[in-house]
Amino acid sequence: MSKRVDLVFRTVGERTSQVALELAREAIQPDNEYVIDNVMPFSKAVNEQLQIDHKADTVVYVDADCLILENMRPFLEWSDAPYTDCYVQDRFRGRIHCGVHITRSDVVQEMRDVAPPAGDLAYVLRPESRLRNLAMRRLRANKAFKGFKILHDYHQSHKSIFEKYALRELRSRTPNQRARLEGAMRDWNGEADFKVARSAIQHASECVDPNACPDTVAEYIENLPNLAREEVPKLGLPNQEAFHVDHIGHPFEHGHRPKVFGLGLSRTGTRSLTAALHVLGWDTVHYPTDPRTLQDLMRGDGDFHLLNHFDGLT
């Protein structure tokens, strides 16, 4: 293998932590491994991970609530994208991009050099994403997306779910984000996981004013572990057994997938088409401009090298 790849695994005691780490090792085959263990709040964990002196070409950040069920190393060897956000199958929200972040070393370095913005609600709610966006803007780099067979937020403890979905409510206070959350909630049934999530959303909604300042929001987020310990027992749910890899089963079995192509002039919706295809499970590359794709196009036989790793082009 020609590229050096580092794994940074983040855990705050998730029920799936040990199995998730073992699966990440198998899927990524890292040259070096670092574990950020029980560092809270997340902004502090992000600061700690950015102090790591990486010698790798690529750093893959993996959260302990992600169960990776696919060999990612061939893609890691092939891709030179500055940053690739991974589409996963989420227990509560369907197919979304989160939890596993493939980051080129120059982006990591730039994130380290970005000063955390003071009094910035976007940083309070999503510290890693905010720093990365600022770094990418400095580098004039674009984000890519790629789906993998990854389960996210499956088999989590009720305490973890409460913390996650109280935070999710705070992150869903724009019209678009609120519509996404409410749309996902319409598909929730009466299972225990969803009862906990609903309770957490209600708690955050009632306890944090929509116009709360960033410091107040940050204080609530920092106190979420204590709030979860207080609130979850009130729901009267049965205790959860220890998690084992056999509980995962085979969630990603499907047959042959056809390739998809979308063609259109500027401002005819190809970017929206690409986003929709991602949500439906087809990972397409939008507007590729690399020299090799140009060579593939000029050759005229339809054998695009990108189709070795993606489901289509737009």
Protein backbone atom coordinates (compact mmCIF):
# COMPACT_ATOMS: atom_id res chain seq x y z
CA MET A 1 0.00 0.00 0.00
CA SER A 2 1.48 3.31 -1.12
CA LYS A 3 -0.41 5.81 1.05
CA ARG A 4 0.06 6.32 4.74
CA VAL A 5 -3.28 6.45 6.52
CA ASP A 6 -3.91 7.31 10.18
CA LEU A 7 -7.02 6.37 12.14
CA VAL A 8 -8.33 8.71 14.84
CA PHE A 9 -11.07 6.96 16.79
CA ARG A 10 -13.29 9.05 19.09
CA THR A 11 -15.22 7.44 21.94
CA VAL A 12 -17.14 8.70 24.96
CA GLY A 13 -18.08 5.23 26.17
CA GLU A 14 -20.57 4.27 23.46
CA ARG A 15 -22.09 0.81 23.79
CA THR A 16 -20.54 -0.12 20.43
CA SER A 17 -17.05 1.30 21.13
CA GLN A 18 -14.97 -1.88 21.24
CA VAL A 19 -16.64 -3.55 18.27
CA ALA A 20 -16.56 -0.28 16.29
CA LEU A 21 -12.81 0.08 16.87
CA GLU A 22 -12.14 -3.49 15.75
CA LEU A 23 -14.24 -2.99 12.60
CA ALA A 24 -12.51 0.33 11.85
CA ARG A 25 -9.11 -1.36 12.08
CA GLU A 26 -10.21 -4.03 9.62
CA ALA A 27 -11.81 -1.57 7.19
CA ILE A 28 -9.10 1.12 7.17
CA GLN A 29 -5.93 -0.90 7.89
CA PRO A 30 -4.24 2.18 9.39
CA ASP A 31 -0.52 2.76 9.62
CA ASN A 32 -1.07 4.52 12.94
CA GLU A 33 -3.99 4.55 15.34
CA TYR A 34 -5.00 7.17 17.89
CA VAL A 35 -7.89 6.97 20.35
CA ILE A 36 -9.53 10.08 21.81
CA ASP A 37 -11.09 8.52 24.89
CA ASN A 38 -13.81 10.16 26.96
CA VAL A 39 -12.84 13.76 26.20
CA MET A 40 -15.83 16.08 26.58
CA PRO A 41 -17.30 18.35 25.39
CA PHE A 42 -16.67 17.57 21.73
CA SER A 43 -14.93 20.91 21.13
CA LYS A 44 -12.24 19.80 23.58
CA ALA A 45 -11.90 16.43 21.81
CA VAL A 46 -11.50 18.21 18.47
CA ASN A 47 -8.76 20.41 19.92
CA GLU A 48 -6.97 17.34 21.30
CA GLN A 49 -7.12 15.42 18.02
CA LEU A 50 -5.72 18.41 16.13
CA GLN A 51 -2.61 18.34 18.33
CA ILE A 52 -1.61 14.94 16.91
CA ASP A 53 1.53 15.20 14.77
CA HIS A 54 0.44 13.17 11.75
CA LYS A 55 2.97 11.94 9.18
CA ALA A 56 0.23 10.37 7.08
CA ASP A 57 -1.20 11.38 3.70
CA THR A 58 -4.76 10.89 4.94
CA VAL A 59 -6.43 10.92 8.35
CA VAL A 60 -9.71 9.06 8.86
CA TYR A 61 -11.76 10.23 11.84
CA VAL A 62 -14.22 7.60 13.07
CA ASP A 63 -16.81 7.98 15.83
CA ALA A 64 -17.51 5.04 18.12
CA ASP A 65 -21.16 4.95 17.06
CA CYS A 66 -20.11 3.88 13.52
CA LEU A 67 -19.97 0.21 12.56
CA ILE A 68 -17.96 -0.02 9.31
CA LEU A 69 -18.87 -3.15 7.36
CA GLU A 70 -16.83 -2.57 4.18
CA ASN A 71 -13.16 -2.49 3.22
CA MET A 72 -12.39 1.22 2.78
CA ARG A 73 -8.69 0.86 2.03
CA PRO A 74 -8.96 0.62 -1.79
CA PHE A 75 -10.83 3.93 -1.87
CA LEU A 76 -8.34 5.53 0.53
CA GLU A 77 -5.48 4.46 -1.75
CA TRP A 78 -7.24 5.84 -4.82
CA SER A 79 -8.72 9.14 -3.63
CA ASP A 80 -6.81 12.42 -3.49
CA ALA A 81 -9.83 14.53 -2.50
CA PRO A 82 -9.13 17.11 0.22
CA TYR A 83 -12.09 15.95 2.27
CA THR A 84 -14.65 13.18 1.79
CA ASP A 85 -17.70 12.98 4.02
CA CYS A 86 -19.11 9.46 4.23
CA TYR A 87 -22.74 8.57 3.72
CA VAL A 88 -23.94 6.07 6.31
CA GLN A 89 -27.18 4.33 7.26
CA ASP A 90 -28.45 6.07 10.38
CA ARG A 91 -30.82 4.42 12.86
CA PHE A 92 -32.97 7.54 13.21
CA ARG A 93 -32.54 9.60 10.04
CA GLY A 94 -31.92 7.15 7.20
CA ARG A 95 -29.08 7.78 4.76
CA ILE A 96 -27.04 10.78 5.87
CA HIS A 97 -23.40 11.84 5.83
CA CYS A 98 -21.75 11.83 9.26
CA GLY A 99 -19.52 9.88 11.64
CA VAL A 100 -16.61 8.96 9.33
CA HIS A 101 -14.50 11.75 7.84
CA ILE A 102 -11.68 11.16 5.32
CA THR A 103 -9.38 14.18 5.56
CA ARG A 104 -6.22 14.96 3.62
CA SER A 105 -3.25 15.96 5.77
CA ASP A 106 -3.07 19.55 4.48
CA VAL A 107 -6.68 20.10 5.55
CA VAL A 108 -5.87 18.72 9.02
CA GLN A 109 -2.93 21.12 9.27
CA GLU A 110 -5.07 24.05 8.17
CA MET A 111 -7.73 23.12 10.75
CA ARG A 112 -5.01 23.20 13.42
CA ASP A 113 -4.06 26.72 12.33
CA VAL A 114 -7.63 28.06 12.43
CA ALA A 115 -8.47 29.89 15.65
CA PRO A 116 -11.82 28.77 17.11
CA PRO A 117 -14.22 31.68 16.51
CA ALA A 118 -15.40 33.30 19.75
CA GLY A 119 -19.12 33.67 20.37
CA ASP A 120 -19.95 31.64 17.26
CA LEU A 121 -23.04 29.43 17.62
CA ALA A 122 -22.07 27.35 14.57
CA TYR A 123 -18.80 26.44 16.33
CA VAL A 124 -20.60 25.66 19.60
CA LEU A 125 -23.00 23.26 17.85
CA ARG A 126 -20.56 21.68 15.35
CA PRO A 127 -16.96 22.49 16.35
CA GLU A 128 -15.21 20.07 14.00
CA SER A 129 -17.38 20.90 11.00
CA ARG A 130 -16.98 24.64 11.60
CA LEU A 131 -13.17 24.50 11.77
CA ARG A 132 -13.03 22.23 8.73
CA ASN A 133 -15.25 24.55 6.69
CA LEU A 134 -13.05 27.52 7.57
CA ALA A 135 -9.93 25.54 6.67
CA MET A 136 -11.41 24.36 3.37
CA ARG A 137 -12.35 27.94 2.52
CA ARG A 138 -8.75 29.03 3.08
CA LEU A 139 -7.51 26.22 0.85
CA ARG A 140 -10.23 26.88 -1.76
CA ALA A 141 -11.02 23.18 -1.57
CA ASN A 142 -14.30 21.37 -2.19
CA LYS A 143 -16.02 18.65 -0.19
CA ALA A 144 -16.69 15.24 -1.75
CA PHE A 145 -19.18 12.56 -0.69
CA LYS A 146 -18.96 8.78 -0.76
CA GLY A 147 -21.25 6.12 0.63
CA PHE A 148 -19.95 3.06 2.46
CA LYS A 149 -21.60 0.18 4.26
CA ILE A 150 -21.61 1.86 7.65
CA LEU A 151 -24.25 1.70 10.38
CA HIS A 152 -24.55 4.86 12.47
CA ASP A 153 -26.31 5.15 15.84
CA TYR A 154 -27.49 1.54 15.80
CA HIS A 155 -27.27 -0.42 19.09
CA GLN A 156 -26.49 2.65 21.21
CA SER A 157 -27.23 3.01 24.92
CA HIS A 158 -30.31 4.95 25.90
CA LYS A 159 -28.12 7.49 27.69
CA SER A 160 -26.12 8.12 24.51
CA ILE A 161 -29.29 8.48 22.46
CA PHE A 162 -30.63 11.08 24.88
CA GLU A 163 -27.43 13.13 24.63
CA LYS A 164 -27.36 12.87 20.83
CA TYR A 165 -30.97 13.89 20.27
CA ALA A 166 -30.99 16.75 22.73
CA LEU A 167 -28.05 18.07 20.72
CA ARG A 168 -29.85 17.21 17.48
CA GLU A 169 -32.75 19.45 18.54
CA LEU A 170 -30.34 22.35 19.08
CA ARG A 171 -28.80 21.73 15.66
CA SER A 172 -32.23 21.65 14.00
CA ARG A 173 -33.42 25.19 14.64
CA THR A 174 -33.16 26.47 11.09
CA PRO A 175 -36.21 25.86 8.86
CA ASN A 176 -34.39 23.33 6.65
CA GLN A 177 -32.87 21.38 9.52
CA ARG A 178 -36.17 21.38 11.43
CA ALA A 179 -38.00 20.02 8.39
CA ARG A 180 -35.43 17.23 8.06
CA LEU A 181 -35.74 16.24 11.71
CA GLU A 182 -39.54 16.32 11.68
CA GLY A 183 -39.56 14.30 8.46
CA ALA A 184 -37.37 11.64 10.06
CA MET A 185 -39.51 11.57 13.21
CA ARG A 186 -42.61 10.71 11.19
CA ASP A 187 -41.05 7.31 10.47
CA TRP A 188 -40.24 6.55 14.12
CA ASN A 189 -42.25 3.80 15.79
CA GLY A 190 -42.75 3.01 19.47
CA GLU A 191 -39.43 1.22 20.03
CA ALA A 192 -37.34 2.25 23.03
CA ASP A 193 -34.66 4.06 20.99
CA PHE A 194 -37.24 6.37 19.47
CA LYS A 195 -38.96 7.01 22.83
CA VAL A 196 -35.63 8.19 24.23
CA ALA A 197 -34.94 10.38 21.20
CA ARG A 198 -38.37 12.03 21.42
CA SER A 199 -37.87 12.67 25.14
CA ALA A 200 -34.48 14.28 24.49
CA ILE A 201 -35.84 16.51 21.74
CA GLN A 202 -38.64 17.68 24.01
CA HIS A 203 -36.18 18.33 26.87
CA ALA A 204 -33.87 20.51 24.76
CA SER A 205 -36.81 22.33 23.23
CA GLU A 206 -38.21 23.21 26.65
CA CYS A 207 -34.91 23.98 28.41
CA VAL A 208 -33.02 26.03 25.80
CA ASP A 209 -34.71 29.15 24.50
CA PRO A 210 -34.62 29.57 20.71
CA ASN A 211 -32.84 32.90 21.22
CA ALA A 212 -30.33 31.61 23.78
CA CYS A 213 -26.81 33.00 23.46
CA PRO A 214 -23.91 30.69 22.44
CA ASP A 215 -22.60 30.52 26.03
CA THR A 216 -25.97 29.28 27.33
CA VAL A 217 -26.18 26.66 24.57
CA ALA A 218 -22.61 25.54 25.29
CA GLU A 219 -23.40 25.18 29.00
CA TYR A 220 -26.43 22.98 28.24
CA ILE A 221 -24.38 20.80 25.87
CA GLU A 222 -21.62 20.37 28.45
CA ASN A 223 -24.20 19.25 31.03
CA LEU A 224 -25.90 16.70 28.74
CA PRO A 225 -24.23 13.60 30.29
CA ASN A 226 -25.65 14.57 33.70
CA LEU A 227 -29.06 15.38 32.25
CA ALA A 228 -29.17 12.01 30.46
CA ARG A 229 -28.39 10.18 33.70
CA GLU A 230 -31.29 12.01 35.36
CA GLU A 231 -33.88 11.81 32.59
CA VAL A 232 -33.48 8.35 31.01
CA PRO A 233 -34.44 6.34 34.15
CA LYS A 234 -37.72 8.29 34.28
CA LEU A 235 -38.75 6.56 31.03
CA GLY A 236 -38.88 3.15 32.76
CA LEU A 237 -37.17 1.25 29.96
CA PRO A 238 -35.68 -2.25 30.39
CA ASN A 239 -31.93 -2.61 30.83
CA GLN A 240 -29.87 -3.23 27.70
CA GLU A 241 -27.65 -6.29 27.39
CA ALA A 242 -24.00 -6.02 26.40
CA PHE A 243 -23.48 -5.41 22.69
CA HIS A 244 -21.83 -8.11 20.56
CA VAL A 245 -20.77 -8.11 16.92
CA ASP A 246 -23.33 -10.86 16.21
CA HIS A 247 -26.10 -8.32 16.89
CA ILE A 248 -25.26 -6.51 13.64
CA GLY A 249 -26.54 -9.16 11.24
CA HIS A 250 -26.42 -8.50 7.46
CA PRO A 251 -28.10 -5.12 6.84
CA PHE A 252 -26.56 -4.26 3.46
CA GLU A 253 -27.36 -7.22 1.25
CA HIS A 254 -28.45 -6.12 -2.24
CA GLY A 255 -27.81 -7.13 -5.82
CA HIS A 256 -26.31 -5.42 -8.84
CA ARG A 257 -26.65 -1.63 -8.97
CA PRO A 258 -26.88 0.12 -12.36
CA LYS A 259 -24.68 3.14 -13.06
CA VAL A 260 -26.41 6.53 -13.27
CA PHE A 261 -25.55 9.51 -15.49
CA GLY A 262 -27.05 13.00 -15.28
CA LEU A 263 -26.46 15.60 -18.00
CA GLY A 264 -27.55 19.23 -17.99
CA LEU A 265 -26.43 22.76 -18.71
CA SER A 266 -25.54 25.15 -15.91
CA ARG A 267 -28.42 25.92 -13.52
CA THR A 268 -30.59 23.04 -14.73
CA GLY A 269 -30.54 21.15 -11.43
CA THR A 270 -27.66 18.69 -11.77
CA ARG A 271 -26.30 19.62 -8.33
CA SER A 272 -29.71 19.01 -6.76
CA LEU A 273 -29.95 15.77 -8.73
CA THR A 274 -26.60 14.70 -7.29
CA ALA A 275 -27.74 15.43 -3.74
CA ALA A 276 -30.99 13.51 -4.29
CA LEU A 277 -29.12 10.51 -5.71
CA HIS A 278 -26.85 10.48 -2.65
CA VAL A 279 -29.88 10.32 -0.37
CA LEU A 280 -31.35 7.48 -2.44
CA GLY A 281 -28.10 5.52 -2.22
CA TRP A 282 -26.36 6.30 -5.52
CA ASP A 283 -23.01 7.99 -4.96
CA THR A 284 -22.38 10.17 -7.99
CA VAL A 285 -19.55 12.59 -8.75
CA HIS A 286 -20.71 16.08 -9.72
CA TYR A 287 -18.81 17.95 -12.43
CA PRO A 288 -15.49 16.04 -12.42
CA THR A 289 -12.66 18.14 -13.90
CA ASP A 290 -9.59 15.97 -13.33
CA PRO A 291 -7.33 15.20 -16.34
CA ARG A 292 -7.96 11.46 -16.21
CA THR A 293 -11.73 11.91 -16.53
CA LEU A 294 -11.13 14.15 -19.56
CA GLN A 295 -9.04 11.37 -21.11
CA ASP A 296 -11.82 8.86 -20.38
CA LEU A 297 -14.36 11.17 -22.03
CA MET A 298 -12.22 11.72 -25.13
CA ARG A 299 -11.65 7.98 -25.49
CA GLY A 300 -15.41 7.62 -25.90
CA ASP A 301 -15.94 4.07 -24.65
CA GLY A 302 -17.82 4.89 -21.43
CA ASP A 303 -15.15 3.26 -19.26
CA PHE A 304 -14.74 6.05 -16.69
CA HIS A 305 -12.20 5.31 -13.96
CA LEU A 306 -14.45 7.07 -11.44
CA LEU A 307 -17.01 4.28 -11.86
CA ASN A 308 -14.64 1.91 -10.05
CA HIS A 309 -15.55 3.75 -6.85
CA PHE A 310 -18.79 5.64 -7.58
CA ASP A 311 -22.25 4.83 -8.93
CA GLY A 312 -22.35 7.49 -11.62
CA LEU A 313 -21.49 10.97 -12.89
CA THR A 314 -23.49 14.19 -13.19
